[in-house]
C-alpha cells in the first residue's frame, strides 16, 4: 500500500472534525499555547521590519480600543494580531494550519478575553501581555515569550480551575 497523493487541507479538515467531537477548554488552551509558541519561534527568526511596524500599529489600535470597542471588535483585533504574527514566521505550513484551525483559535481568544468579570481590567491586562510579547519578539527572547504564556495560563487557571494541569 502506498499514498498516491496527499492533500494537506483535506487531511487537516478531517482531523479538525475528529477533534471537535470532544474538546474541553483545557484542550483548547493547551493547543493554543503550543500553536502560538511555534508561530513565535518562527517569527523571531523571520519577522521583517515592516511586519514588526505593522504589529506595532496594531498594538496601538488595540490600546486605543480598550475603552470603546465592542467585545467582537476587541476579539477581532486580538485574533488579527496572532494571525499577523503567524504570517511573520514566513512558513506556509504553519499559515495553513492556523487558517484550518481558525474557528478553534477564535473561540479561545474570545473566551480568554472573558476571563475577568471586569472586562476593562481584562482588556488592559491583555494589551500589556501583547505589548510585552511583541517586545520579547523584538529582542528575540523566546524564554520571555514562554514565560508570558505561562503567566497567561496561570491567570486562566485561576478563573477556570478545570484548565489547570495540577
N, C-alpha and C. Protein backbone atom coordinates (compact mmCIF):
# COMPACT_ATOMS: atom_id res chain seq x y z
N UNK A 1 0.84 -1.18 0.00
CA UNK A 1 0.00 0.00 0.00
C UNK A 1 0.88 1.24 0.00
N UNK A 2 0.50 2.24 -0.79
CA UNK A 2 1.25 3.48 -0.80
C UNK A 2 0.30 4.64 -1.09
N UNK A 3 0.71 5.83 -0.73
CA UNK A 3 -0.09 7.04 -0.94
C UNK A 3 0.27 7.61 -2.30
N UNK A 4 -0.75 7.78 -3.15
CA UNK A 4 -0.52 8.36 -4.47
C UNK A 4 -0.49 9.88 -4.40
N UNK A 5 -1.34 10.44 -3.54
CA UNK A 5 -1.33 11.89 -3.37
C UNK A 5 -1.84 12.21 -1.97
N UNK A 6 -1.38 13.32 -1.47
CA UNK A 6 -1.80 13.74 -0.13
C UNK A 6 -2.19 15.21 -0.20
N UNK A 7 -3.45 15.48 0.14
CA UNK A 7 -3.94 16.86 0.18
C UNK A 7 -3.94 17.29 1.64
N UNK A 8 -2.97 18.13 2.05
CA UNK A 8 -2.88 18.53 3.46
C UNK A 8 -4.16 19.20 3.96
N UNK A 9 -4.81 20.00 3.13
CA UNK A 9 -6.04 20.66 3.57
C UNK A 9 -7.15 19.65 3.88
N UNK A 10 -7.27 18.64 3.04
CA UNK A 10 -8.28 17.61 3.28
C UNK A 10 -7.97 16.85 4.57
N UNK A 11 -6.70 16.53 4.76
CA UNK A 11 -6.29 15.84 5.99
C UNK A 11 -6.61 16.69 7.21
N UNK A 12 -6.21 17.97 7.19
CA UNK A 12 -6.44 18.84 8.34
C UNK A 12 -7.92 19.05 8.62
N UNK A 13 -8.73 19.15 7.57
CA UNK A 13 -10.18 19.30 7.76
C UNK A 13 -10.76 18.09 8.47
N UNK A 14 -10.37 16.92 8.04
CA UNK A 14 -10.87 15.70 8.67
C UNK A 14 -10.36 15.58 10.10
N UNK A 15 -9.12 15.95 10.32
CA UNK A 15 -8.52 15.89 11.65
C UNK A 15 -9.25 16.86 12.58
N UNK A 16 -9.53 18.07 12.09
CA UNK A 16 -10.24 19.06 12.91
C UNK A 16 -11.64 18.56 13.27
N UNK A 17 -12.35 18.00 12.32
CA UNK A 17 -13.69 17.47 12.61
C UNK A 17 -13.61 16.38 13.67
N UNK A 18 -12.59 15.54 13.59
CA UNK A 18 -12.41 14.49 14.58
C UNK A 18 -12.21 15.08 15.98
N UNK A 19 -11.32 16.06 16.07
CA UNK A 19 -11.01 16.64 17.38
C UNK A 19 -12.17 17.44 17.96
N UNK A 20 -13.01 18.01 17.13
CA UNK A 20 -14.12 18.81 17.62
C UNK A 20 -15.19 17.97 18.30
N UNK A 21 -15.08 16.68 18.21
CA UNK A 21 -16.08 15.83 18.83
C UNK A 21 -16.09 15.96 20.34
N UNK A 22 -14.93 16.20 20.95
CA UNK A 22 -14.89 16.24 22.41
C UNK A 22 -13.75 17.14 22.88
N UNK A 23 -13.92 18.44 22.73
CA UNK A 23 -12.88 19.37 23.14
C UNK A 23 -13.25 20.05 24.44
N UNK A 24 -12.31 20.07 25.35
CA UNK A 24 -12.52 20.82 26.58
C UNK A 24 -11.79 22.16 26.43
N UNK A 25 -12.14 23.10 27.29
CA UNK A 25 -11.45 24.38 27.26
C UNK A 25 -9.96 24.19 27.56
N UNK A 26 -9.65 23.25 28.44
CA UNK A 26 -8.26 22.94 28.75
C UNK A 26 -7.51 22.47 27.49
N UNK A 27 -8.15 21.62 26.70
CA UNK A 27 -7.53 21.17 25.46
C UNK A 27 -7.27 22.33 24.52
N UNK A 28 -8.22 23.23 24.43
CA UNK A 28 -8.09 24.39 23.54
C UNK A 28 -6.93 25.27 23.99
N UNK A 29 -6.87 25.57 25.28
CA UNK A 29 -5.80 26.42 25.82
C UNK A 29 -4.44 25.78 25.59
N UNK A 30 -4.33 24.50 25.86
CA UNK A 30 -3.05 23.82 25.70
C UNK A 30 -2.62 23.83 24.23
N UNK A 31 -3.57 23.59 23.33
CA UNK A 31 -3.24 23.63 21.90
C UNK A 31 -2.81 25.04 21.49
N UNK A 32 -3.60 26.04 21.88
CA UNK A 32 -3.30 27.42 21.51
C UNK A 32 -1.92 27.84 22.00
N UNK A 33 -1.58 27.46 23.22
CA UNK A 33 -0.27 27.82 23.76
C UNK A 33 0.84 27.26 22.89
N UNK A 34 0.75 25.98 22.55
CA UNK A 34 1.78 25.36 21.72
C UNK A 34 1.78 25.95 20.31
N UNK A 35 0.61 26.17 19.75
CA UNK A 35 0.49 26.75 18.41
C UNK A 35 1.11 28.16 18.38
N UNK A 36 0.73 28.98 19.35
CA UNK A 36 1.26 30.34 19.38
C UNK A 36 2.77 30.36 19.57
N UNK A 37 3.27 29.51 20.44
CA UNK A 37 4.72 29.49 20.67
C UNK A 37 5.48 29.02 19.43
N UNK A 38 4.89 28.12 18.67
CA UNK A 38 5.53 27.69 17.42
C UNK A 38 5.56 28.85 16.42
N UNK A 39 4.45 29.58 16.33
CA UNK A 39 4.42 30.76 15.45
C UNK A 39 5.46 31.79 15.89
N UNK A 40 5.56 32.00 17.19
CA UNK A 40 6.53 32.97 17.73
C UNK A 40 7.96 32.51 17.44
N UNK A 41 8.23 31.22 17.62
CA UNK A 41 9.56 30.68 17.35
C UNK A 41 9.97 30.98 15.90
N UNK A 42 9.03 30.80 14.98
CA UNK A 42 9.34 31.09 13.57
C UNK A 42 9.45 32.58 13.32
N UNK A 43 8.56 33.36 13.94
CA UNK A 43 8.58 34.81 13.73
C UNK A 43 9.86 35.44 14.27
N UNK A 44 10.34 34.95 15.39
CA UNK A 44 11.57 35.51 15.98
C UNK A 44 12.71 35.50 14.95
N UNK A 45 12.77 34.45 14.16
CA UNK A 45 13.87 34.33 13.19
C UNK A 45 13.58 34.98 11.84
N UNK A 46 12.30 35.26 11.55
CA UNK A 46 11.97 35.67 10.18
C UNK A 46 11.18 36.97 10.04
N UNK A 47 10.78 37.58 11.15
CA UNK A 47 9.96 38.78 11.06
C UNK A 47 10.76 39.92 10.41
N UNK A 48 10.09 40.64 9.53
CA UNK A 48 10.74 41.78 8.86
C UNK A 48 10.47 43.06 9.65
N UNK A 49 11.22 44.09 9.33
CA UNK A 49 10.99 45.38 9.97
C UNK A 49 9.59 45.90 9.66
N UNK A 50 9.13 45.69 8.43
CA UNK A 50 7.78 46.13 8.05
C UNK A 50 6.71 45.39 8.84
N UNK A 51 6.90 44.09 9.03
CA UNK A 51 5.93 43.31 9.81
C UNK A 51 5.94 43.74 11.28
N UNK A 52 7.11 44.02 11.80
CA UNK A 52 7.20 44.50 13.18
C UNK A 52 6.48 45.84 13.31
N UNK A 53 6.67 46.71 12.33
CA UNK A 53 6.00 48.02 12.35
C UNK A 53 4.48 47.84 12.25
N UNK A 54 4.03 46.90 11.44
CA UNK A 54 2.58 46.64 11.32
C UNK A 54 2.01 46.14 12.65
N UNK A 55 2.73 45.28 13.33
CA UNK A 55 2.27 44.79 14.62
C UNK A 55 2.27 45.91 15.66
N UNK A 56 3.23 46.82 15.58
CA UNK A 56 3.25 47.98 16.48
C UNK A 56 2.00 48.84 16.27
N UNK A 57 1.65 49.08 15.02
CA UNK A 57 0.44 49.86 14.71
C UNK A 57 -0.79 49.14 15.25
N UNK A 58 -0.83 47.83 15.07
CA UNK A 58 -1.97 47.05 15.60
C UNK A 58 -2.06 47.18 17.12
N UNK A 59 -0.93 47.13 17.79
CA UNK A 59 -0.94 47.24 19.25
C UNK A 59 -1.44 48.62 19.69
N UNK A 60 -1.08 49.64 18.96
CA UNK A 60 -1.57 50.98 19.30
C UNK A 60 -3.09 51.04 19.13
N UNK A 61 -3.58 50.44 18.06
CA UNK A 61 -5.04 50.38 17.85
C UNK A 61 -5.69 49.56 18.96
N UNK A 62 -5.05 48.47 19.32
CA UNK A 62 -5.51 47.59 20.41
C UNK A 62 -5.69 48.42 21.70
N UNK A 63 -4.64 49.22 22.03
CA UNK A 63 -4.68 50.04 23.23
C UNK A 63 -5.80 51.07 23.16
N UNK A 64 -5.94 51.71 22.01
CA UNK A 64 -6.98 52.73 21.84
C UNK A 64 -8.39 52.15 21.94
N UNK A 65 -8.55 50.88 21.59
CA UNK A 65 -9.87 50.25 21.60
C UNK A 65 -10.34 49.84 22.99
N UNK A 66 -9.45 49.83 23.96
CA UNK A 66 -9.80 49.31 25.28
C UNK A 66 -11.10 49.89 25.82
N UNK A 67 -11.28 51.20 25.83
CA UNK A 67 -12.49 51.72 26.47
C UNK A 67 -13.76 51.70 25.61
N UNK A 68 -13.63 51.57 24.28
CA UNK A 68 -14.79 51.80 23.44
C UNK A 68 -15.24 50.62 22.58
N UNK A 69 -14.38 49.69 22.31
CA UNK A 69 -14.71 48.63 21.36
C UNK A 69 -15.73 47.66 21.92
N UNK A 70 -16.54 47.13 21.03
CA UNK A 70 -17.42 46.03 21.42
C UNK A 70 -16.56 44.80 21.67
N UNK A 71 -17.13 43.81 22.33
CA UNK A 71 -16.38 42.57 22.56
C UNK A 71 -15.93 41.95 21.24
N UNK A 72 -16.79 41.98 20.24
CA UNK A 72 -16.47 41.39 18.93
C UNK A 72 -15.31 42.13 18.26
N UNK A 73 -15.31 43.46 18.35
CA UNK A 73 -14.21 44.24 17.76
C UNK A 73 -12.90 43.95 18.48
N UNK A 74 -12.97 43.86 19.80
CA UNK A 74 -11.76 43.59 20.57
C UNK A 74 -11.23 42.19 20.27
N UNK A 75 -12.13 41.21 20.19
CA UNK A 75 -11.72 39.85 19.85
C UNK A 75 -11.07 39.80 18.47
N UNK A 76 -11.64 40.56 17.54
CA UNK A 76 -11.14 40.55 16.16
C UNK A 76 -9.70 41.09 16.08
N UNK A 77 -9.42 42.19 16.76
CA UNK A 77 -8.06 42.74 16.69
C UNK A 77 -7.08 41.81 17.40
N UNK A 78 -7.52 41.15 18.46
CA UNK A 78 -6.68 40.18 19.16
C UNK A 78 -6.34 39.02 18.21
N UNK A 79 -7.36 38.48 17.55
CA UNK A 79 -7.15 37.40 16.59
C UNK A 79 -6.20 37.85 15.47
N UNK A 80 -6.44 39.04 14.93
CA UNK A 80 -5.64 39.54 13.81
C UNK A 80 -4.17 39.68 14.21
N UNK A 81 -3.93 40.12 15.43
CA UNK A 81 -2.56 40.21 15.93
C UNK A 81 -1.88 38.84 15.84
N UNK A 82 -2.55 37.80 16.32
CA UNK A 82 -1.95 36.46 16.31
C UNK A 82 -1.80 35.93 14.88
N UNK A 83 -2.74 36.25 14.03
CA UNK A 83 -2.63 35.82 12.63
C UNK A 83 -1.43 36.50 11.96
N UNK A 84 -1.25 37.79 12.16
CA UNK A 84 -0.12 38.52 11.58
C UNK A 84 1.20 37.99 12.14
N UNK A 85 1.19 37.61 13.40
CA UNK A 85 2.38 37.02 14.00
C UNK A 85 2.70 35.68 13.33
N UNK A 86 1.66 34.91 13.05
CA UNK A 86 1.85 33.64 12.33
C UNK A 86 2.44 33.90 10.94
N UNK A 87 1.90 34.89 10.24
CA UNK A 87 2.41 35.22 8.90
C UNK A 87 3.87 35.66 8.95
N UNK A 88 4.27 36.31 10.04
CA UNK A 88 5.64 36.80 10.18
C UNK A 88 6.66 35.67 10.26
N UNK A 89 6.20 34.46 10.49
CA UNK A 89 7.10 33.32 10.51
C UNK A 89 7.48 32.85 9.11
N UNK A 90 6.76 33.32 8.11
CA UNK A 90 7.03 33.01 6.71
C UNK A 90 7.11 31.50 6.46
N UNK A 91 6.16 30.79 7.02
CA UNK A 91 6.09 29.34 6.84
C UNK A 91 4.69 28.99 6.36
N UNK A 92 4.59 28.50 5.15
CA UNK A 92 3.29 28.23 4.54
C UNK A 92 2.52 27.13 5.27
N UNK A 93 3.23 26.14 5.79
CA UNK A 93 2.55 25.06 6.52
C UNK A 93 1.91 25.62 7.79
N UNK A 94 2.65 26.41 8.53
CA UNK A 94 2.12 26.99 9.76
C UNK A 94 0.93 27.90 9.45
N UNK A 95 1.02 28.66 8.39
CA UNK A 95 -0.10 29.52 7.98
C UNK A 95 -1.34 28.69 7.68
N UNK A 96 -1.18 27.60 6.93
CA UNK A 96 -2.32 26.76 6.58
C UNK A 96 -2.92 26.10 7.82
N UNK A 97 -2.07 25.68 8.75
CA UNK A 97 -2.58 25.09 9.99
C UNK A 97 -3.36 26.14 10.77
N UNK A 98 -2.82 27.34 10.87
CA UNK A 98 -3.51 28.43 11.57
C UNK A 98 -4.89 28.66 10.94
N UNK A 99 -4.93 28.76 9.62
CA UNK A 99 -6.19 29.02 8.93
C UNK A 99 -7.18 27.86 9.08
N UNK A 100 -6.65 26.66 9.10
CA UNK A 100 -7.53 25.50 9.25
C UNK A 100 -8.17 25.48 10.63
N UNK A 101 -7.45 25.94 11.61
CA UNK A 101 -7.93 25.92 12.99
C UNK A 101 -8.51 27.26 13.43
N UNK A 102 -8.82 28.13 12.47
CA UNK A 102 -9.24 29.49 12.78
C UNK A 102 -10.42 29.54 13.76
N UNK A 103 -11.38 28.67 13.59
CA UNK A 103 -12.55 28.70 14.48
C UNK A 103 -12.13 28.37 15.92
N UNK A 104 -11.31 27.37 16.07
CA UNK A 104 -10.83 26.99 17.40
C UNK A 104 -10.01 28.12 18.03
N UNK A 105 -9.14 28.72 17.24
CA UNK A 105 -8.30 29.81 17.74
C UNK A 105 -9.18 31.00 18.14
N UNK A 106 -10.15 31.32 17.31
CA UNK A 106 -11.02 32.46 17.60
C UNK A 106 -11.84 32.21 18.87
N UNK A 107 -12.32 30.99 19.04
CA UNK A 107 -13.07 30.64 20.26
C UNK A 107 -12.19 30.84 21.48
N UNK A 108 -10.95 30.40 21.41
CA UNK A 108 -10.08 30.53 22.59
C UNK A 108 -9.76 31.99 22.87
N UNK A 109 -9.59 32.79 21.84
CA UNK A 109 -9.36 34.23 22.05
C UNK A 109 -10.58 34.85 22.72
N UNK A 110 -11.75 34.53 22.20
CA UNK A 110 -12.98 35.09 22.77
C UNK A 110 -13.13 34.70 24.24
N UNK A 111 -12.88 33.45 24.55
CA UNK A 111 -13.02 33.00 25.94
C UNK A 111 -11.94 33.60 26.83
N UNK A 112 -10.71 33.68 26.33
CA UNK A 112 -9.64 34.30 27.12
C UNK A 112 -9.97 35.75 27.45
N UNK A 113 -10.60 36.43 26.51
CA UNK A 113 -10.96 37.83 26.73
C UNK A 113 -12.12 37.98 27.71
N UNK A 114 -12.74 36.90 28.10
CA UNK A 114 -13.84 36.94 29.07
C UNK A 114 -13.42 36.45 30.45
N UNK A 115 -12.14 36.21 30.63
CA UNK A 115 -11.65 35.64 31.89
C UNK A 115 -12.03 36.49 33.08
N UNK A 116 -11.83 37.77 32.99
CA UNK A 116 -12.13 38.66 34.11
C UNK A 116 -13.60 39.04 34.10
N UNK A 117 -14.19 39.19 35.25
CA UNK A 117 -15.55 39.70 35.34
C UNK A 117 -15.59 41.16 34.93
N UNK A 118 -14.52 41.88 35.18
CA UNK A 118 -14.44 43.29 34.83
C UNK A 118 -13.68 43.40 33.51
N UNK A 119 -14.43 43.51 32.43
CA UNK A 119 -13.85 43.44 31.10
C UNK A 119 -12.76 44.49 30.87
N UNK A 120 -12.89 45.68 31.44
CA UNK A 120 -11.88 46.72 31.24
C UNK A 120 -10.53 46.27 31.80
N UNK A 121 -10.52 45.68 32.99
CA UNK A 121 -9.27 45.19 33.56
C UNK A 121 -8.67 44.12 32.67
N UNK A 122 -9.51 43.24 32.15
CA UNK A 122 -9.03 42.18 31.28
C UNK A 122 -8.43 42.76 30.00
N UNK A 123 -9.07 43.76 29.44
CA UNK A 123 -8.56 44.37 28.21
C UNK A 123 -7.21 45.02 28.45
N UNK A 124 -7.07 45.71 29.54
CA UNK A 124 -5.77 46.34 29.85
C UNK A 124 -4.69 45.29 30.06
N UNK A 125 -5.02 44.22 30.80
CA UNK A 125 -4.06 43.14 31.01
C UNK A 125 -3.70 42.48 29.68
N UNK A 126 -4.70 42.25 28.84
CA UNK A 126 -4.48 41.63 27.54
C UNK A 126 -3.56 42.49 26.68
N UNK A 127 -3.83 43.79 26.66
CA UNK A 127 -2.97 44.70 25.89
C UNK A 127 -1.53 44.63 26.41
N UNK A 128 -1.35 44.71 27.71
CA UNK A 128 0.00 44.69 28.28
C UNK A 128 0.71 43.37 27.98
N UNK A 129 -0.02 42.27 28.02
CA UNK A 129 0.58 40.97 27.69
C UNK A 129 1.04 40.97 26.23
N UNK A 130 0.21 41.46 25.31
CA UNK A 130 0.59 41.53 23.91
C UNK A 130 1.77 42.50 23.71
N UNK A 131 1.78 43.60 24.44
CA UNK A 131 2.87 44.57 24.36
C UNK A 131 4.18 43.91 24.77
N UNK A 132 4.15 43.21 25.90
CA UNK A 132 5.35 42.53 26.41
C UNK A 132 5.79 41.43 25.44
N UNK A 133 4.83 40.75 24.84
CA UNK A 133 5.13 39.68 23.90
C UNK A 133 5.85 40.24 22.66
N UNK A 134 5.33 41.33 22.12
CA UNK A 134 5.98 41.92 20.95
C UNK A 134 7.37 42.44 21.30
N UNK A 135 7.54 43.01 22.47
CA UNK A 135 8.86 43.47 22.91
C UNK A 135 9.83 42.29 23.02
N UNK A 136 9.35 41.15 23.53
CA UNK A 136 10.20 39.96 23.64
C UNK A 136 10.57 39.42 22.26
N UNK A 137 9.63 39.48 21.32
CA UNK A 137 9.93 39.04 19.95
C UNK A 137 10.98 39.95 19.33
N UNK A 138 10.84 41.25 19.53
CA UNK A 138 11.82 42.21 19.00
C UNK A 138 13.22 41.88 19.54
N UNK A 139 13.29 41.49 20.81
CA UNK A 139 14.57 41.17 21.44
C UNK A 139 15.02 39.73 21.14
N UNK A 140 14.15 38.99 20.42
CA UNK A 140 14.42 37.58 20.10
C UNK A 140 14.58 36.76 21.38
N UNK A 141 13.73 37.06 22.36
CA UNK A 141 13.79 36.43 23.67
C UNK A 141 12.68 35.38 23.80
N UNK A 142 12.97 34.17 23.31
CA UNK A 142 11.99 33.10 23.35
C UNK A 142 11.64 32.71 24.78
N UNK A 143 12.61 32.76 25.67
CA UNK A 143 12.35 32.42 27.07
C UNK A 143 11.29 33.35 27.66
N UNK A 144 11.39 34.64 27.37
CA UNK A 144 10.39 35.59 27.86
C UNK A 144 9.02 35.29 27.24
N UNK A 145 8.97 34.94 25.97
CA UNK A 145 7.70 34.58 25.32
C UNK A 145 7.05 33.40 26.04
N UNK A 146 7.84 32.41 26.37
CA UNK A 146 7.32 31.24 27.08
C UNK A 146 6.81 31.65 28.46
N UNK A 147 7.56 32.50 29.15
CA UNK A 147 7.13 32.98 30.47
C UNK A 147 5.81 33.74 30.38
N UNK A 148 5.63 34.53 29.34
CA UNK A 148 4.38 35.27 29.17
C UNK A 148 3.20 34.31 28.95
N UNK A 149 3.43 33.24 28.21
CA UNK A 149 2.35 32.26 28.02
C UNK A 149 2.07 31.50 29.31
N UNK A 150 3.09 31.25 30.11
CA UNK A 150 2.87 30.63 31.42
C UNK A 150 2.02 31.55 32.29
N UNK A 151 2.31 32.84 32.24
CA UNK A 151 1.54 33.82 33.01
C UNK A 151 0.08 33.81 32.56
N UNK A 152 -0.14 33.78 31.24
CA UNK A 152 -1.50 33.74 30.73
C UNK A 152 -2.22 32.48 31.21
N UNK A 153 -1.56 31.34 31.11
CA UNK A 153 -2.19 30.08 31.52
C UNK A 153 -2.48 30.07 33.02
N UNK A 154 -1.58 30.63 33.82
CA UNK A 154 -1.81 30.69 35.26
C UNK A 154 -3.03 31.55 35.57
N UNK A 155 -3.17 32.64 34.87
CA UNK A 155 -4.33 33.52 35.08
C UNK A 155 -5.63 32.82 34.67
N UNK A 156 -5.58 32.11 33.57
CA UNK A 156 -6.76 31.35 33.13
C UNK A 156 -7.11 30.28 34.16
N UNK A 157 -6.10 29.60 34.68
CA UNK A 157 -6.33 28.53 35.65
C UNK A 157 -6.97 29.06 36.93
N UNK A 158 -6.67 30.30 37.30
CA UNK A 158 -7.30 30.88 38.49
C UNK A 158 -8.81 31.07 38.29
N UNK A 159 -9.18 31.42 37.07
CA UNK A 159 -10.58 31.67 36.77
C UNK A 159 -11.31 30.38 36.38
N UNK A 160 -10.61 29.51 35.67
CA UNK A 160 -11.20 28.25 35.23
C UNK A 160 -10.32 27.11 35.74
N UNK A 161 -10.52 26.69 37.01
CA UNK A 161 -9.64 25.66 37.59
C UNK A 161 -9.57 24.37 36.77
N UNK A 162 -10.59 24.09 35.96
CA UNK A 162 -10.56 22.86 35.18
C UNK A 162 -9.50 22.90 34.08
N UNK A 163 -8.90 24.09 33.82
CA UNK A 163 -7.85 24.18 32.81
C UNK A 163 -6.47 23.89 33.39
N UNK A 164 -6.37 23.84 34.70
CA UNK A 164 -5.08 23.62 35.33
C UNK A 164 -4.60 22.20 35.12
N UNK A 165 -3.28 22.02 35.02
CA UNK A 165 -2.71 20.69 34.88
C UNK A 165 -2.43 20.03 36.23
N UNK A 166 -2.77 20.72 37.32
CA UNK A 166 -2.50 20.18 38.66
C UNK A 166 -3.43 19.06 39.01
